[in-house]
Amino acid sequence: GLNFIDLMVRQGNIDNPPKTPLVPGFECSGIVEALGDNVKGFEIGDRVMAFVNYGAWAEVVCTPVEFVYKIPDDMSFSEAAAFPMNFVTAYMMLFEVANLREGMSVLVHSAGGGVGQAVAQLCSTIPNVTVFGTASSFKHEAIKDSVTHLFDRNADYVQEVKRISTDGVDIVLDCLCGENTGKGLSLLKPLGTYILYGSSNMVTGETKSFFSFAKSWWQVEKVNPIKLYEENKVIAGFSLLNLLFKQNRGGLIKSVMDKLLNLYNNKKIKPVVDSLWALEEVKEAMQRIHDRGNIGKLILDVEKAPTPLVS
């Protein structure tokens, strides 16, 4: 799976990426080739998907058994590679952090991306949830059925949301950061939850621009705890990779994966795969995510031959 975090790793915009040369990638699917001595519950030949702490973009991947899950029979390998990061992130933010319930409203940015589509699908499993989404206008036709109200990502979505829901929304899921933080907080109803789970606005056009990175953070409205108290608002952060690889919550993630696979088997959710790319095409695939051209998930397929360039 190719995720926005991979672009941030490439640009050095995250804490302590491993020293180069490194193999990027945090999730994959494939067939079990070998097992550690004490591994139970899996056999050679099993179809599996897994989280990996770097090293997923490879033909052979090694990861601890607690990060590995069996693929349902009717799920393809490309769907399985698109499943773990997006759906676990979306599920945990909605249900573990924000306590999504019937009748609530959610604002999600990048509604056409992998997490955005997972959020929209999971919201549809709860009655009467209103989803406000922002996305590039060329994606609207493709994703209009997945969200209740769709706005152009460059429009003044704050006014649009308030026009439809005067008192705002219950949950804001923000992967953009920067000036959107203040906007998101201003839209929260009392007892609403704002969750920052990424900062894709920090990925710039340059190879690595510390100044644009700093400027983006500088625009984050300073959060005043007294104001949170007076307005009854909750502000939270969510990093799946830290939860998995630094905070040892693999058991919690496994219980979430069990619930998600149950939803998949009951045909309530289904990963949206945008496109498949050969490993040699990783530059073009990353550019597609950078330009926000994708609807759903990009997959690097080790068996795919590069597409010949048309003259």
C-alpha atoms as a PDB file:
ATOM      1  CA  GLY A   1       0.000   0.000   0.000  1.00  0.00           C
ATOM      2  CA  LEU A   2       1.135   3.539  -0.811  1.00  0.00           C
ATOM      3  CA  ASN A   3       0.123   6.125   1.803  1.00  0.00           C
ATOM      4  CA  PHE A   4       0.555   9.836   2.279  1.00  0.00           C
ATOM      5  CA  ILE A   5       2.879   9.124   5.201  1.00  0.00           C
ATOM      6  CA  ASP A   6       5.295   7.596   2.654  1.00  0.00           C
ATOM      7  CA  LEU A   7       5.593  11.000   0.982  1.00  0.00           C
ATOM      8  CA  MET A   8       6.311  12.576   4.368  1.00  0.00           C
ATOM      9  CA  VAL A   9       9.021   9.959   5.003  1.00  0.00           C
ATOM     10  CA  ARG A  10      10.578  10.724   1.624  1.00  0.00           C
ATOM     11  CA  GLN A  11      10.672  14.454   2.384  1.00  0.00           C
ATOM     12  CA  GLY A  12      12.015  13.978   5.901  1.00  0.00           C
ATOM     13  CA  ASN A  13       8.882  15.495   7.447  1.00  0.00           C
ATOM     14  CA  ILE A  14       8.492  12.921  10.206  1.00  0.00           C
ATOM     15  CA  ASP A  15      10.418  12.154  13.384  1.00  0.00           C
ATOM     16  CA  ASN A  16      13.507  10.033  12.923  1.00  0.00           C
ATOM     17  CA  PRO A  17      12.966   8.023   9.753  1.00  0.00           C
ATOM     18  CA  PRO A  18      15.620   5.276   9.521  1.00  0.00           C
ATOM     19  CA  LYS A  19      18.936   6.136   7.900  1.00  0.00           C
ATOM     20  CA  THR A  20      19.089   5.673   4.139  1.00  0.00           C
ATOM     21  CA  PRO A  21      19.152   3.412   2.261  1.00  0.00           C
ATOM     22  CA  LEU A  22      15.740   2.325   3.510  1.00  0.00           C
ATOM     23  CA  VAL A  23      12.802   0.446   2.011  1.00  0.00           C
ATOM     24  CA  PRO A  24       9.614   2.468   2.602  1.00  0.00           C
ATOM     25  CA  GLY A  25       6.114   1.135   3.131  1.00  0.00           C
ATOM     26  CA  PHE A  26       4.040   0.197   6.180  1.00  0.00           C
ATOM     27  CA  GLU A  27       1.484  -2.324   4.901  1.00  0.00           C
ATOM     28  CA  CYS A  28       1.392  -5.204   2.449  1.00  0.00           C
ATOM     29  CA  SER A  29      -0.366  -8.404   1.460  1.00  0.00           C
ATOM     30  CA  GLY A  30       1.079 -11.682   0.244  1.00  0.00           C
ATOM     31  CA  ILE A  31       1.630 -15.369   0.920  1.00  0.00           C
ATOM     32  CA  VAL A  32       3.392 -16.779   3.984  1.00  0.00           C
ATOM     33  CA  GLU A  33       6.758 -18.216   2.887  1.00  0.00           C
ATOM     34  CA  ALA A  34       8.324 -18.981   6.276  1.00  0.00           C
ATOM     35  CA  LEU A  35       7.437 -18.921   9.982  1.00  0.00           C
ATOM     36  CA  GLY A  36       9.382 -18.206  13.140  1.00  0.00           C
ATOM     37  CA  ASP A  37       9.946 -21.137  15.507  1.00  0.00           C
ATOM     38  CA  ASN A  38       7.130 -20.341  17.949  1.00  0.00           C
ATOM     39  CA  VAL A  39       4.548 -18.927  15.526  1.00  0.00           C
ATOM     40  CA  LYS A  40       1.095 -20.422  15.881  1.00  0.00           C
ATOM     41  CA  GLY A  41      -2.104 -19.816  13.916  1.00  0.00           C
ATOM     42  CA  PHE A  42      -0.487 -19.478  10.488  1.00  0.00           C
ATOM     43  CA  GLU A  43       0.830 -21.943   7.935  1.00  0.00           C
ATOM     44  CA  ILE A  44       3.106 -21.637   4.920  1.00  0.00           C
ATOM     45  CA  GLY A  45       0.887 -20.765   1.947  1.00  0.00           C
ATOM     46  CA  ASP A  46      -1.633 -18.688   3.928  1.00  0.00           C
ATOM     47  CA  ARG A  47      -2.877 -15.508   2.241  1.00  0.00           C
ATOM     48  CA  VAL A  48      -2.183 -12.650   4.655  1.00  0.00           C
ATOM     49  CA  MET A  49      -1.993  -8.892   5.061  1.00  0.00           C
ATOM     50  CA  ALA A  50       0.316  -7.180   7.507  1.00  0.00           C
ATOM     51  CA  PHE A  51       1.622  -3.991   9.055  1.00  0.00           C
ATOM     52  CA  VAL A  52       5.386  -3.511   8.704  1.00  0.00           C
ATOM     53  CA  ASN A  53       7.627  -0.957  10.427  1.00  0.00           C
ATOM     54  CA  TYR A  54       9.189   0.109   7.105  1.00  0.00           C
ATOM     55  CA  GLY A  55      10.212  -2.402   4.434  1.00  0.00           C
ATOM     56  CA  ALA A  56       6.812  -3.196   2.896  1.00  0.00           C
ATOM     57  CA  TRP A  57       7.716  -2.201  -0.673  1.00  0.00           C
ATOM     58  CA  ALA A  58       9.600  -5.411  -1.350  1.00  0.00           C
ATOM     59  CA  GLU A  59       9.190  -8.907  -2.741  1.00  0.00           C
ATOM     60  CA  VAL A  60       9.956 -10.483   0.659  1.00  0.00           C
ATOM     61  CA  VAL A  61       8.832  -8.894   3.925  1.00  0.00           C
ATOM     62  CA  CYS A  62       9.467  -9.933   7.532  1.00  0.00           C
ATOM     63  CA  THR A  63       7.256  -8.722  10.407  1.00  0.00           C
ATOM     64  CA  PRO A  64       6.222  -9.935  13.888  1.00  0.00           C
ATOM     65  CA  VAL A  65       3.218 -12.275  13.927  1.00  0.00           C
ATOM     66  CA  GLU A  66       1.094  -9.843  15.966  1.00  0.00           C
ATOM     67  CA  PHE A  67       0.935  -7.531  12.923  1.00  0.00           C
ATOM     68  CA  VAL A  68      -0.264 -10.246  10.499  1.00  0.00           C
ATOM     69  CA  TYR A  69      -3.902 -11.095   9.637  1.00  0.00           C
ATOM     70  CA  LYS A  70      -5.487 -13.680   7.375  1.00  0.00           C
ATOM     71  CA  ILE A  71      -7.171 -12.392   4.218  1.00  0.00           C
ATOM     72  CA  PRO A  72     -10.859 -13.337   3.730  1.00  0.00           C
ATOM     73  CA  ASP A  73     -11.375 -15.797   0.863  1.00  0.00           C
ATOM     74  CA  ASP A  74     -13.111 -13.345  -1.448  1.00  0.00           C
ATOM     75  CA  MET A  75     -10.692 -10.428  -0.866  1.00  0.00           C
ATOM     76  CA  SER A  76      -8.048  -9.870  -3.554  1.00  0.00           C
ATOM     77  CA  PHE A  77      -4.392  -9.203  -2.715  1.00  0.00           C
ATOM     78  CA  SER A  78      -4.681  -5.606  -3.948  1.00  0.00           C
ATOM     79  CA  GLU A  79      -7.756  -5.010  -1.769  1.00  0.00           C
ATOM     80  CA  ALA A  80      -5.897  -6.574   1.169  1.00  0.00           C
ATOM     81  CA  ALA A  81      -2.908  -4.251   0.674  1.00  0.00           C
ATOM     82  CA  ALA A  82      -5.355  -1.324   0.652  1.00  0.00           C
ATOM     83  CA  PHE A  83      -7.150  -2.421   3.810  1.00  0.00           C
ATOM     84  CA  PRO A  84      -5.135  -2.218   7.058  1.00  0.00           C
ATOM     85  CA  MET A  85      -3.856   1.379   7.290  1.00  0.00           C
ATOM     86  CA  ASN A  86      -6.922   3.152   5.959  1.00  0.00           C
ATOM     87  CA  PHE A  87      -9.654   1.173   7.641  1.00  0.00           C
ATOM     88  CA  VAL A  88      -7.970   0.766  11.043  1.00  0.00           C
ATOM     89  CA  THR A  89      -7.176   4.495  11.111  1.00  0.00           C
ATOM     90  CA  ALA A  90     -10.734   5.427  10.138  1.00  0.00           C
ATOM     91  CA  TYR A  91     -12.338   2.948  12.562  1.00  0.00           C
ATOM     92  CA  MET A  92     -10.225   3.923  15.563  1.00  0.00           C
ATOM     93  CA  MET A  93     -10.753   7.642  15.051  1.00  0.00           C
ATOM     94  CA  LEU A  94     -14.511   7.307  14.616  1.00  0.00           C
ATOM     95  CA  PHE A  95     -15.296   4.698  17.265  1.00  0.00           C
ATOM     96  CA  GLU A  96     -12.388   4.537  19.744  1.00  0.00           C
ATOM     97  CA  VAL A  97     -11.531   8.258  19.932  1.00  0.00           C
ATOM     98  CA  ALA A  98     -14.660  10.156  18.862  1.00  0.00           C
ATOM     99  CA  ASN A  99     -17.351   7.635  19.925  1.00  0.00           C
ATOM    100  CA  LEU A 100     -19.440   7.956  16.749  1.00  0.00           C
ATOM    101  CA  ARG A 101     -23.128   7.213  17.387  1.00  0.00           C
ATOM    102  CA  GLU A 102     -26.442   7.392  15.568  1.00  0.00           C
ATOM    103  CA  GLY A 103     -27.441  10.839  14.315  1.00  0.00           C
ATOM    104  CA  MET A 104     -23.996  12.438  14.562  1.00  0.00           C
ATOM    105  CA  SER A 105     -22.209  14.493  11.886  1.00  0.00           C
ATOM    106  CA  VAL A 106     -18.624  14.170  10.636  1.00  0.00           C
ATOM    107  CA  LEU A 107     -16.394  16.452   8.551  1.00  0.00           C
ATOM    108  CA  VAL A 108     -13.587  14.660   6.697  1.00  0.00           C
ATOM    109  CA  HIS A 109     -10.951  16.257   4.456  1.00  0.00           C
ATOM    110  CA  SER A 110      -9.555  14.493   1.371  1.00  0.00           C
ATOM    111  CA  ALA A 111     -12.815  12.554   1.112  1.00  0.00           C
ATOM    112  CA  GLY A 112     -11.643  10.883  -2.108  1.00  0.00           C
ATOM    113  CA  GLY A 113      -8.476   9.426  -0.585  1.00  0.00           C
ATOM    114  CA  GLY A 114      -8.004   6.043   1.069  1.00  0.00           C
ATOM    115  CA  VAL A 115      -8.830   7.146   4.632  1.00  0.00           C
ATOM    116  CA  GLY A 116     -11.609   9.466   3.433  1.00  0.00           C
ATOM    117  CA  GLN A 117     -13.343   6.647   1.590  1.00  0.00           C
ATOM    118  CA  ALA A 118     -12.942   4.312   4.588  1.00  0.00           C
ATOM    119  CA  VAL A 119     -14.449   6.980   6.873  1.00  0.00           C
ATOM    120  CA  ALA A 120     -17.416   7.437   4.544  1.00  0.00           C
ATOM    121  CA  GLN A 121     -18.069   3.680   4.375  1.00  0.00           C
ATOM    122  CA  LEU A 122     -17.813   3.203   8.142  1.00  0.00           C
ATOM    123  CA  CYS A 123     -20.145   6.154   8.770  1.00  0.00           C
ATOM    124  CA  SER A 124     -22.723   4.455   6.539  1.00  0.00           C
ATOM    125  CA  THR A 125     -22.791   1.478   8.962  1.00  0.00           C
ATOM    126  CA  ILE A 126     -24.350   3.739  11.648  1.00  0.00           C
ATOM    127  CA  PRO A 127     -27.900   5.106  11.139  1.00  0.00           C
ATOM    128  CA  ASN A 128     -28.410   8.764  10.225  1.00  0.00           C
ATOM    129  CA  VAL A 129     -24.783   9.894  10.222  1.00  0.00           C
ATOM    130  CA  THR A 130     -24.231  13.020   8.108  1.00  0.00           C
ATOM    131  CA  VAL A 131     -20.839  13.160   6.363  1.00  0.00           C
ATOM    132  CA  PHE A 132     -19.434  16.463   5.131  1.00  0.00           C
ATOM    133  CA  GLY A 133     -16.445  15.970   2.837  1.00  0.00           C
ATOM    134  CA  THR A 134     -13.942  18.155   1.018  1.00  0.00           C
ATOM    135  CA  ALA A 135     -12.243  16.944  -2.163  1.00  0.00           C
ATOM    136  CA  SER A 136     -10.887  18.235  -5.449  1.00  0.00           C
ATOM    137  CA  SER A 137     -13.809  19.041  -7.737  1.00  0.00           C
ATOM    138  CA  PHE A 138     -12.790  16.520 -10.433  1.00  0.00           C
ATOM    139  CA  LYS A 139     -13.409  13.718  -7.886  1.00  0.00           C
ATOM    140  CA  HIS A 140     -16.926  14.805  -6.982  1.00  0.00           C
ATOM    141  CA  GLU A 141     -18.726  12.746  -9.596  1.00  0.00           C
ATOM    142  CA  ALA A 142     -16.953   9.551  -8.528  1.00  0.00           C
ATOM    143  CA  ILE A 143     -17.457   9.959  -4.767  1.00  0.00           C
ATOM    144  CA  LYS A 144     -20.688  11.940  -4.496  1.00  0.00           C
ATOM    145  CA  ASP A 145     -22.681   8.894  -3.380  1.00  0.00           C
ATOM    146  CA  SER A 146     -20.327   8.130  -0.484  1.00  0.00           C
ATOM    147  CA  VAL A 147     -20.768  11.418   1.398  1.00  0.00           C
ATOM    148  CA  THR A 148     -23.851  13.453   2.279  1.00  0.00           C
ATOM    149  CA  HIS A 149     -22.478  16.917   1.431  1.00  0.00           C
ATOM    150  CA  LEU A 150     -19.407  17.400  -0.754  1.00  0.00           C
ATOM    151  CA  PHE A 151     -17.439  20.647  -1.086  1.00  0.00           C
ATOM    152  CA  ASP A 152     -14.548  21.700  -3.285  1.00  0.00           C
ATOM    153  CA  ARG A 153     -11.304  21.557  -1.298  1.00  0.00           C
ATOM    154  CA  ASN A 154     -10.564  25.183  -2.202  1.00  0.00           C
ATOM    155  CA  ALA A 155     -14.018  26.504  -1.244  1.00  0.00           C
ATOM    156  CA  ASP A 156     -14.893  28.151   2.068  1.00  0.00           C
ATOM    157  CA  TYR A 157     -16.166  24.922   3.584  1.00  0.00           C
ATOM    158  CA  VAL A 158     -16.702  26.515   7.030  1.00  0.00           C
ATOM    159  CA  GLN A 159     -19.496  28.710   5.699  1.00  0.00           C
ATOM    160  CA  GLU A 160     -20.918  25.859   3.594  1.00  0.00           C
ATOM    161  CA  VAL A 161     -21.100  23.533   6.606  1.00  0.00           C
ATOM    162  CA  LYS A 162     -22.659  26.222   8.831  1.00  0.00           C
ATOM    163  CA  ARG A 163     -25.247  26.989   6.173  1.00  0.00           C
ATOM    164  CA  ILE A 164     -26.408  23.356   6.302  1.00  0.00           C
ATOM    165  CA  SER A 165     -25.787  22.716  10.009  1.00  0.00           C
ATOM    166  CA  THR A 166     -25.877  25.998  11.922  1.00  0.00           C
ATOM    167  CA  ASP A 167     -24.352  24.615  15.115  1.00  0.00           C
ATOM    168  CA  GLY A 168     -21.542  22.761  13.311  1.00  0.00           C
ATOM    169  CA  VAL A 169     -20.502  19.096  13.431  1.00  0.00           C
ATOM    170  CA  ASP A 170     -19.755  16.470  16.091  1.00  0.00           C
ATOM    171  CA  ILE A 171     -16.472  15.142  14.657  1.00  0.00           C
ATOM    172  CA  VAL A 172     -13.750  16.790  12.547  1.00  0.00           C
ATOM    173  CA  LEU A 173     -11.078  14.510  11.037  1.00  0.00           C
ATOM    174  CA  ASP A 174      -8.180  16.671   9.890  1.00  0.00           C
ATOM    175  CA  CYS A 175      -5.322  15.303   7.776  1.00  0.00           C
ATOM    176  CA  LEU A 176      -4.343  18.744   6.506  1.00  0.00           C
ATOM    177  CA  CYS A 177      -3.171  20.664   9.579  1.00  0.00           C
ATOM    178  CA  GLY A 178      -2.023  24.275   9.141  1.00  0.00           C
ATOM    179  CA  GLU A 179      -4.788  26.861   8.988  1.00  0.00           C
ATOM    180  CA  ASN A 180      -7.432  24.111   8.852  1.00  0.00           C
ATOM    181  CA  THR A 181      -6.901  23.409  12.555  1.00  0.00           C
ATOM    182  CA  GLY A 182      -8.559  26.656  13.631  1.00  0.00           C
ATOM    183  CA  LYS A 183     -11.335  26.190  11.070  1.00  0.00           C
ATOM    184  CA  GLY A 184     -12.015  22.654  12.294  1.00  0.00           C
ATOM    185  CA  LEU A 185     -12.164  23.687  15.934  1.00  0.00           C
ATOM    186  CA  SER A 186     -14.547  26.542  15.079  1.00  0.00           C
ATOM    187  CA  LEU A 187     -16.949  24.059  13.470  1.00  0.00           C
ATOM    188  CA  LEU A 188     -17.180  21.740  16.491  1.00  0.00           C
ATOM    189  CA  LYS A 189     -20.425  21.467  18.420  1.00  0.00           C
ATOM    190  CA  PRO A 190     -20.199  21.393  22.230  1.00  0.00           C
ATOM    191  CA  LEU A 191     -18.806  17.963  23.241  1.00  0.00           C
ATOM    192  CA  GLY A 192     -17.495  17.567  19.688  1.00  0.00           C
ATOM    193  CA  THR A 193     -14.128  15.988  18.907  1.00  0.00           C
ATOM    194  CA  TYR A 194     -11.428  17.333  16.587  1.00  0.00           C
ATOM    195  CA  ILE A 195      -8.816  14.737  15.586  1.00  0.00           C
ATOM    196  CA  LEU A 196      -5.544  15.568  13.847  1.00  0.00           C
ATOM    197  CA  TYR A 197      -4.284  12.431  12.132  1.00  0.00           C
ATOM    198  CA  GLY A 198      -1.875  13.741   9.529  1.00  0.00           C
ATOM    199  CA  SER A 199      -0.454  16.872   8.044  1.00  0.00           C
ATOM    200  CA  SER A 200      -0.536  16.420   4.306  1.00  0.00           C
ATOM    201  CA  ASN A 201      -0.283  20.176   3.725  1.00  0.00           C
ATOM    202  CA  MET A 202       3.308  19.829   4.915  1.00  0.00           C
ATOM    203  CA  VAL A 203       4.230  17.822   1.834  1.00  0.00           C
ATOM    204  CA  THR A 204       5.477  20.510  -0.493  1.00  0.00           C
ATOM    205  CA  GLY A 205       6.424  20.663  -4.125  1.00  0.00           C
ATOM    206  CA  GLU A 206      10.096  21.022  -3.264  1.00  0.00           C
ATOM    207  CA  THR A 207      12.250  18.054  -2.357  1.00  0.00           C
ATOM    208  CA  LYS A 208      12.388  19.166   1.230  1.00  0.00           C
ATOM    209  CA  SER A 209      11.500  22.618   2.403  1.00  0.00           C
ATOM    210  CA  PHE A 210      11.972  23.179   6.093  1.00  0.00           C
ATOM    211  CA  PHE A 211      10.525  26.667   5.761  1.00  0.00           C
ATOM    212  CA  SER A 212       7.206  25.590   4.268  1.00  0.00           C
ATOM    213  CA  PHE A 213       7.096  22.848   6.917  1.00  0.00           C
ATOM    214  CA  ALA A 214       7.640  25.405   9.686  1.00  0.00           C
ATOM    215  CA  LYS A 215       5.194  27.863   8.125  1.00  0.00           C
ATOM    216  CA  SER A 216       2.477  25.209   8.049  1.00  0.00           C
ATOM    217  CA  TRP A 217       2.958  24.527  11.765  1.00  0.00           C
ATOM    218  CA  TRP A 218       3.140  28.228  12.522  1.00  0.00           C
ATOM    219  CA  GLN A 219      -0.364  28.611  11.122  1.00  0.00           C
ATOM    220  CA  VAL A 220      -1.761  26.080  13.586  1.00  0.00           C
ATOM    221  CA  GLU A 221      -3.967  28.060  15.903  1.00  0.00           C
ATOM    222  CA  LYS A 222      -2.488  27.900  19.374  1.00  0.00           C
ATOM    223  CA  VAL A 223      -4.908  25.756  21.350  1.00  0.00           C
ATOM    224  CA  ASN A 224      -6.018  27.391  24.570  1.00  0.00           C
ATOM    225  CA  PRO A 225      -7.022  24.826  27.230  1.00  0.00           C
ATOM    226  CA  ILE A 226      -9.272  27.336  29.012  1.00  0.00           C
ATOM    227  CA  LYS A 227     -11.135  27.945  25.751  1.00  0.00           C
ATOM    228  CA  LEU A 228     -11.581  24.177  25.291  1.00  0.00           C
ATOM    229  CA  TYR A 229     -13.033  24.023  28.801  1.00  0.00           C
ATOM    230  CA  GLU A 230     -15.411  26.935  28.223  1.00  0.00           C
ATOM    231  CA  GLU A 231     -16.598  25.622  24.857  1.00  0.00           C
ATOM    232  CA  ASN A 232     -16.786  21.924  25.847  1.00  0.00           C
ATOM    233  CA  LYS A 233     -14.586  20.797  22.982  1.00  0.00           C
ATOM    234  CA  VAL A 234     -12.239  17.823  22.672  1.00  0.00           C
ATOM    235  CA  ILE A 235      -9.002  17.947  20.690  1.00  0.00           C
ATOM    236  CA  ALA A 236      -7.144  14.714  19.952  1.00  0.00           C
ATOM    237  CA  GLY A 237      -4.321  13.322  17.851  1.00  0.00           C
ATOM    238  CA  PHE A 238      -4.080   9.918  16.228  1.00  0.00           C
ATOM    239  CA  SER A 239      -1.058   8.088  14.796  1.00  0.00           C
ATOM    240  CA  LEU A 240      -1.622   4.436  13.919  1.00  0.00           C
ATOM    241  CA  LEU A 241       2.082   3.794  13.316  1.00  0.00           C
ATOM    242  CA  ASN A 242       3.068   5.088  16.758  1.00  0.00           C
ATOM    243  CA  LEU A 243       0.279   3.044  18.341  1.00  0.00           C
ATOM    244  CA  LEU A 244       1.557  -0.086  16.606  1.00  0.00           C
ATOM    245  CA  PHE A 245       5.321   0.269  16.695  1.00  0.00           C
ATOM    246  CA  LYS A 246       6.106   2.584  19.623  1.00  0.00           C
ATOM    247  CA  GLN A 247       3.230   2.082  22.073  1.00  0.00           C
ATOM    248  CA  ASN A 248       2.730  -1.684  21.760  1.00  0.00           C
ATOM    249  CA  ARG A 249      -1.006  -1.677  21.105  1.00  0.00           C
ATOM    250  CA  GLY A 250      -0.949  -4.573  18.633  1.00  0.00           C
ATOM    251  CA  GLY A 251      -3.613  -6.435  20.648  1.00  0.00           C
ATOM    252  CA  LEU A 252      -6.040  -3.504  20.424  1.00  0.00           C
ATOM    253  CA  ILE A 253      -5.388  -3.179  16.678  1.00  0.00           C
ATOM    254  CA  LYS A 254      -6.086  -6.907  16.254  1.00  0.00           C
ATOM    255  CA  SER A 255      -9.512  -6.559  17.902  1.00  0.00           C
ATOM    256  CA  VAL A 256     -10.273  -3.647  15.560  1.00  0.00           C
ATOM    257  CA  MET A 257      -9.158  -5.704  12.531  1.00  0.00           C
ATOM    258  CA  ASP A 258     -11.484  -8.526  13.638  1.00  0.00           C
ATOM    259  CA  LYS A 259     -14.428  -6.085  13.667  1.00  0.00           C
ATOM    260  CA  LEU A 260     -13.421  -4.643  10.287  1.00  0.00           C
ATOM    261  CA  LEU A 261     -13.072  -8.065   8.643  1.00  0.00           C
ATOM    262  CA  ASN A 262     -16.513  -8.939   9.987  1.00  0.00           C
ATOM    263  CA  LEU A 263     -17.893  -5.788   8.320  1.00  0.00           C
ATOM    264  CA  TYR A 264     -16.074  -6.739   5.097  1.00  0.00           C
ATOM    265  CA  ASN A 265     -17.472 -10.280   5.165  1.00  0.00           C
ATOM    266  CA  ASN A 266     -20.959  -8.837   5.662  1.00  0.00           C
ATOM    267  CA  LYS A 267     -20.401  -6.612   2.594  1.00  0.00           C
ATOM    268  CA  LYS A 268     -20.686  -3.397   4.640  1.00  0.00           C
ATOM    269  CA  ILE A 269     -17.235  -2.076   3.664  1.00  0.00           C
ATOM    270  CA  LYS A 270     -14.882  -2.598   0.710  1.00  0.00           C
ATOM    271  CA  PRO A 271     -11.499  -1.013   0.002  1.00  0.00           C
ATOM    272  CA  VAL A 272     -11.439   1.355  -2.957  1.00  0.00           C
ATOM    273  CA  VAL A 273      -8.337   0.661  -5.087  1.00  0.00           C
ATOM    274  CA  ASP A 274      -7.388   3.579  -7.325  1.00  0.00           C
ATOM    275  CA  SER A 275      -4.635   1.940  -9.380  1.00  0.00           C
ATOM    276  CA  LEU A 276      -1.846  -0.664  -9.466  1.00  0.00           C
ATOM    277  CA  TRP A 277       1.773   0.284 -10.155  1.00  0.00           C
ATOM    278  CA  ALA A 278       4.974  -1.649 -10.786  1.00  0.00           C
ATOM    279  CA  LEU A 279       7.790  -1.081  -8.281  1.00  0.00           C
ATOM    280  CA  GLU A 280       9.723   0.719 -11.054  1.00  0.00           C
ATOM    281  CA  GLU A 281       6.826   3.206 -11.315  1.00  0.00           C
ATOM    282  CA  VAL A 282       6.962   4.329  -7.684  1.00  0.00           C
ATOM    283  CA  LYS A 283       7.982   7.855  -8.703  1.00  0.00           C
ATOM    284  CA  GLU A 284       4.865   8.292 -10.863  1.00  0.00           C
ATOM    285  CA  ALA A 285       2.665   6.670  -8.212  1.00  0.00           C
ATOM    286  CA  MET A 286       3.955   9.048  -5.542  1.00  0.00           C
ATOM    287  CA  GLN A 287       3.382  11.985  -7.868  1.00  0.00           C
ATOM    288  CA  ARG A 288      -0.257  10.916  -8.282  1.00  0.00           C
ATOM    289  CA  ILE A 289      -0.790  11.019  -4.515  1.00  0.00           C
ATOM    290  CA  HIS A 290       1.153  14.282  -4.217  1.00  0.00           C
ATOM    291  CA  ASP A 291      -1.104  15.867  -6.861  1.00  0.00           C
ATOM    292  CA  ARG A 292      -4.155  14.389  -5.065  1.00  0.00           C
ATOM    293  CA  GLY A 293      -5.135  12.641  -8.281  1.00  0.00           C
ATOM    294  CA  ASN A 294      -6.188   9.370  -6.657  1.00  0.00           C
ATOM    295  CA  ILE A 295      -9.640   8.137  -5.678  1.00  0.00           C
ATOM    296  CA  GLY A 296      -8.961   5.464  -3.092  1.00  0.00           C
ATOM    297  CA  LYS A 297      -5.693   3.610  -2.639  1.00  0.00           C
ATOM    298  CA  LEU A 298      -2.600   3.232  -4.811  1.00  0.00           C
ATOM    299  CA  ILE A 299      -0.988  -0.212  -4.716  1.00  0.00           C
ATOM    300  CA  LEU A 300       2.551  -1.216  -5.663  1.00  0.00           C
ATOM    301  CA  ASP A 301       2.281  -4.658  -7.272  1.00  0.00           C
ATOM    302  CA  VAL A 302       5.542  -6.654  -7.337  1.00  0.00           C
ATOM    303  CA  GLU A 303       4.224  -8.857 -10.154  1.00  0.00           C
ATOM    304  CA  LYS A 304       3.195  -6.003 -12.423  1.00  0.00           C
ATOM    305  CA  ALA A 305       5.423  -5.043 -15.346  1.00  0.00           C
ATOM    306  CA  PRO A 306       5.917  -1.302 -15.907  1.00  0.00           C
ATOM    307  CA  THR A 307       3.464   0.212 -18.367  1.00  0.00           C
ATOM    308  CA  PRO A 308       5.332   1.212 -21.557  1.00  0.00           C
ATOM    309  CA  LEU A 309       5.433   4.946 -22.087  1.00  0.00           C
ATOM    310  CA  VAL A 310       3.355   6.012 -25.064  1.00  0.00           C
ATOM    311  CA  SER A 311       5.341   8.289 -27.371  1.00  0.00           C
END
